[in-house]
Amino acid sequence: MPIEKIDELKAIQISIQDEIESRLAEFDRIRKIGDDKAIFAELVFCILTPQSKARVCWAAVENLLDKNLLLKGESDQILGELHGVRFKYKKSEYVVEARDKLSIDGKIAIKSRISRFSDVCDAREWLVRNVKGIGYKEASHFLRNIGFGENLAILDRHILKNLRSLGVIAEIPDSLSRRRYLEIERGMMEFADRVKIPMSHLDLVMWYNEAGEVFK
């Protein structure tokens, strides 16, 4: 295990600890007081993020919210707001399908769907199996962003690159099956335990190490 890289991560954690705590507190507030609209916005963000920049995707979500299209827009209207989002034709359809799937009597009811799970891993499995456009990375990201998934790994390219440089994985896989995802997640948890950095912090530290900011 490369000691200098671990020391670098710890130094980053210390330098941005206030930002990390603030972000985690924000996620926790969404869990406690966020309404279905706010929580669905986070799901849509995670549907949009694959192979697209996070800030671009969140800007698209904010446009949908501002124009009252998130809960009411048709797929073509949603498509028109996905500026800079890759695969936006499919993703606009995924947003509408997810909204329909998570609605009861025409009203979005995502919060009650998620809160019924006592185990966050069960919630993740349900999301992966039932929401198009959501894989293990996206489901983990969504649950973390609504204060439920602090101990889940969000295995995007930034995290995988860091895990490789730290020797947690030998190489970045071309694709991630369920089995491989969970295997790498366990390795990341063990690494977090060894270096005494909480998983919730480690994810944001690694993201900062690559992107230069603490975001979502």
Protein backbone atom coordinates (compact mmCIF):
# COMPACT_ATOMS: atom_id res chain seq x y z
CA MET A 1 0.00 0.00 0.00
CA PRO A 2 1.66 3.31 -1.10
CA ILE A 3 2.14 5.27 2.15
CA GLU A 4 2.73 8.60 0.40
CA LYS A 5 -0.61 8.39 -1.40
CA ILE A 6 -2.41 7.53 1.83
CA ASP A 7 -0.75 10.50 3.53
CA GLU A 8 -1.90 12.67 0.62
CA LEU A 9 -5.49 11.49 1.04
CA LYS A 10 -5.41 12.16 4.78
CA ALA A 11 -4.02 15.63 4.16
CA ILE A 12 -6.84 16.33 1.71
CA GLN A 13 -9.40 15.05 4.22
CA ILE A 14 -8.11 17.42 6.88
CA SER A 15 -8.01 20.38 4.49
CA ILE A 16 -11.60 19.94 3.26
CA GLN A 17 -13.18 18.42 6.36
CA ASP A 18 -15.51 21.38 6.91
CA GLU A 19 -16.74 21.13 3.32
CA ILE A 20 -17.28 17.39 3.68
CA GLU A 21 -19.22 17.78 6.92
CA SER A 22 -21.34 20.52 5.38
CA ARG A 23 -22.15 18.37 2.37
CA LEU A 24 -23.02 15.34 4.50
CA ALA A 25 -25.24 17.52 6.67
CA GLU A 26 -27.02 18.69 3.54
CA PHE A 27 -27.62 15.08 2.48
CA ASP A 28 -28.97 14.34 5.96
CA ARG A 29 -31.34 17.32 5.78
CA ILE A 30 -32.76 16.01 2.52
CA ARG A 31 -33.42 12.68 4.23
CA LYS A 32 -35.09 14.30 7.23
CA ILE A 33 -37.08 17.17 5.74
CA GLY A 34 -36.85 16.84 1.95
CA ASP A 35 -40.14 16.30 0.17
CA ASP A 36 -40.80 13.85 -2.66
CA LYS A 37 -39.97 16.49 -5.26
CA ALA A 38 -36.54 17.18 -3.77
CA ILE A 39 -35.77 13.48 -3.47
CA PHE A 40 -36.95 12.74 -7.00
CA ALA A 41 -34.71 15.57 -8.22
CA GLU A 42 -31.74 13.71 -6.74
CA LEU A 43 -32.80 10.51 -8.51
CA VAL A 44 -33.08 12.35 -11.82
CA PHE A 45 -29.62 13.82 -11.28
CA CYS A 46 -28.23 10.31 -10.86
CA ILE A 47 -30.07 9.07 -13.96
CA LEU A 48 -28.40 11.86 -15.95
CA THR A 49 -24.84 11.50 -14.65
CA PRO A 50 -23.47 8.43 -16.51
CA GLN A 51 -20.75 9.68 -18.89
CA SER A 52 -21.78 13.29 -18.25
CA LYS A 53 -20.37 16.02 -16.03
CA ALA A 54 -22.03 16.29 -12.62
CA ARG A 55 -22.43 20.08 -12.72
CA VAL A 56 -23.99 19.95 -16.19
CA CYS A 57 -26.47 17.34 -14.96
CA TRP A 58 -27.41 19.30 -11.86
CA ALA A 59 -27.91 22.43 -13.97
CA ALA A 60 -30.34 20.40 -16.12
CA VAL A 61 -32.24 19.31 -13.00
CA GLU A 62 -32.44 22.91 -11.81
CA ASN A 63 -33.84 23.93 -15.21
CA LEU A 64 -36.48 21.23 -14.95
CA LEU A 65 -37.40 22.42 -11.47
CA ASP A 66 -37.52 26.09 -12.48
CA LYS A 67 -39.80 25.32 -15.43
CA ASN A 68 -42.04 22.98 -13.44
CA LEU A 69 -41.17 20.09 -15.77
CA LEU A 70 -39.62 17.66 -13.32
CA LEU A 71 -42.96 16.26 -12.16
CA LYS A 72 -45.14 17.27 -15.10
CA GLY A 73 -43.03 17.46 -18.26
CA GLU A 74 -43.32 15.00 -21.13
CA SER A 75 -40.16 13.30 -22.38
CA ASP A 76 -39.71 15.78 -25.26
CA GLN A 77 -39.99 18.74 -22.87
CA ILE A 78 -37.48 17.17 -20.51
CA LEU A 79 -35.19 16.41 -23.45
CA GLY A 80 -35.13 20.11 -24.31
CA GLU A 81 -33.56 20.94 -20.94
CA LEU A 82 -30.80 18.32 -20.99
CA HIS A 83 -28.15 20.61 -22.49
CA GLY A 84 -24.74 18.95 -22.49
CA VAL A 85 -26.06 15.66 -21.09
CA ARG A 86 -24.92 12.63 -23.06
CA PHE A 87 -27.49 10.07 -24.27
CA LYS A 88 -30.20 12.61 -23.47
CA TYR A 89 -32.84 10.96 -25.67
CA LYS A 90 -32.77 7.76 -23.63
CA LYS A 91 -32.31 9.58 -20.35
CA SER A 92 -35.34 11.81 -20.91
CA GLU A 93 -37.41 8.66 -21.35
CA TYR A 94 -35.87 7.12 -18.23
CA VAL A 95 -36.90 10.19 -16.21
CA VAL A 96 -40.54 9.86 -17.27
CA GLU A 97 -40.54 6.09 -16.69
CA ALA A 98 -39.04 6.54 -13.23
CA ARG A 99 -41.62 9.19 -12.37
CA ASP A 100 -44.45 6.89 -13.45
CA LYS A 101 -42.96 3.94 -11.58
CA LEU A 102 -42.59 5.94 -8.36
CA SER A 103 -46.00 7.63 -8.43
CA ILE A 104 -49.18 6.65 -6.63
CA ASP A 105 -52.46 8.03 -7.99
CA GLY A 106 -50.50 10.43 -10.19
CA LYS A 107 -48.36 11.84 -7.37
CA ILE A 108 -44.69 11.14 -6.90
CA ALA A 109 -44.18 9.01 -3.78
CA ILE A 110 -40.51 8.16 -3.78
CA LYS A 111 -39.76 8.99 -0.15
CA SER A 112 -42.13 6.38 1.25
CA ARG A 113 -40.80 3.80 -1.23
CA ILE A 114 -37.22 4.28 -0.06
CA SER A 115 -37.91 4.68 3.66
CA ARG A 116 -39.68 1.32 3.86
CA PHE A 117 -36.30 -0.41 3.52
CA SER A 118 -34.49 -1.02 6.81
CA ASP A 119 -31.34 -2.09 4.96
CA VAL A 120 -29.81 0.38 2.51
CA CYS A 121 -28.42 -2.48 0.40
CA ASP A 122 -31.96 -3.79 -0.07
CA ALA A 123 -33.04 -0.31 -1.19
CA ARG A 124 -30.18 -0.26 -3.69
CA GLU A 125 -31.13 -3.67 -5.08
CA TRP A 126 -34.74 -2.52 -5.50
CA LEU A 127 -33.69 0.61 -7.36
CA VAL A 128 -31.36 -1.30 -9.70
CA ARG A 129 -34.08 -3.81 -10.52
CA ASN A 130 -36.95 -1.38 -10.89
CA VAL A 131 -35.68 1.96 -12.23
CA LYS A 132 -34.33 2.11 -15.78
CA GLY A 133 -31.05 3.97 -16.12
CA ILE A 134 -30.07 3.15 -12.54
CA GLY A 135 -27.20 0.73 -11.92
CA TYR A 136 -25.26 0.09 -8.74
CA LYS A 137 -23.19 3.26 -9.06
CA GLU A 138 -26.21 5.47 -9.70
CA ALA A 139 -28.29 3.83 -6.95
CA SER A 140 -25.42 4.22 -4.47
CA HIS A 141 -24.96 7.85 -5.50
CA PHE A 142 -28.67 8.59 -5.11
CA LEU A 143 -28.94 6.95 -1.69
CA ARG A 144 -25.83 8.79 -0.47
CA ASN A 145 -27.24 12.10 -1.72
CA ILE A 146 -30.44 11.62 0.27
CA GLY A 147 -28.63 10.64 3.46
CA PHE A 148 -29.15 6.88 3.32
CA GLY A 149 -25.96 5.56 1.76
CA GLU A 150 -22.94 6.88 3.64
CA ASN A 151 -21.31 3.45 3.63
CA LEU A 152 -21.97 2.63 -0.02
CA ALA A 153 -19.28 3.01 -2.67
CA ILE A 154 -19.96 5.22 -5.68
CA LEU A 155 -17.63 3.59 -8.15
CA ASP A 156 -17.29 6.23 -10.83
CA ARG A 157 -14.12 6.81 -12.84
CA HIS A 158 -12.68 9.20 -10.22
CA ILE A 159 -13.04 6.68 -7.41
CA LEU A 160 -11.80 3.74 -9.48
CA LYS A 161 -8.72 5.70 -10.56
CA ASN A 162 -7.89 6.43 -6.93
CA LEU A 163 -8.50 2.83 -5.87
CA ARG A 164 -6.10 1.64 -8.53
CA SER A 165 -3.38 4.12 -7.54
CA LEU A 166 -3.76 3.00 -3.92
CA GLY A 167 -3.48 -0.66 -4.81
CA VAL A 168 -7.04 -1.51 -3.74
CA ILE A 169 -7.70 -2.79 -7.27
CA ALA A 170 -5.15 -3.96 -9.81
CA GLU A 171 -6.85 -2.34 -12.78
CA ILE A 172 -9.94 -0.35 -13.70
CA PRO A 173 -12.52 -2.81 -15.08
CA ASP A 174 -14.08 -2.15 -18.47
CA SER A 175 -17.49 -2.91 -16.98
CA LEU A 176 -18.85 -3.69 -13.53
CA SER A 177 -21.09 -6.69 -12.94
CA ARG A 178 -23.00 -6.84 -9.68
CA ARG A 179 -20.48 -9.30 -8.30
CA ARG A 180 -17.47 -7.18 -9.28
CA TYR A 181 -19.09 -3.98 -7.99
CA LEU A 182 -19.75 -5.49 -4.56
CA GLU A 183 -16.27 -7.00 -4.48
CA ILE A 184 -14.62 -3.61 -5.11
CA GLU A 185 -16.98 -1.97 -2.62
CA ARG A 186 -15.87 -4.43 0.07
CA GLY A 187 -12.24 -3.68 -0.79
CA MET A 188 -12.89 0.05 -0.47
CA MET A 189 -14.59 -0.47 2.91
CA GLU A 190 -11.62 -2.48 4.16
CA PHE A 191 -9.24 0.22 2.93
CA ALA A 192 -11.31 2.94 4.66
CA ASP A 193 -11.14 0.97 7.89
CA ARG A 194 -7.37 0.49 7.62
CA VAL A 195 -6.59 4.15 6.96
CA LYS A 196 -9.20 5.43 9.46
CA ILE A 197 -11.12 7.55 6.97
CA PRO A 198 -14.91 7.03 7.09
CA MET A 199 -16.41 5.75 3.83
CA SER A 200 -18.63 8.84 3.61
CA HIS A 201 -15.52 11.03 3.73
CA LEU A 202 -13.33 8.79 1.58
CA ASP A 203 -15.64 9.04 -1.41
CA LEU A 204 -15.65 12.85 -1.31
CA VAL A 205 -11.89 13.02 -0.65
CA MET A 206 -11.18 10.82 -3.67
CA TRP A 207 -13.58 12.83 -5.80
CA TYR A 208 -11.88 16.04 -4.71
CA ASN A 209 -8.48 14.51 -5.48
CA GLU A 210 -9.54 14.09 -9.11
CA ALA A 211 -12.06 16.89 -9.72
CA GLY A 212 -10.72 19.56 -7.35
CA GLU A 213 -14.02 20.21 -5.61
CA VAL A 214 -16.59 18.75 -3.23
CA PHE A 215 -19.86 18.53 -5.11
CA LYS A 216 -22.70 15.99 -5.13
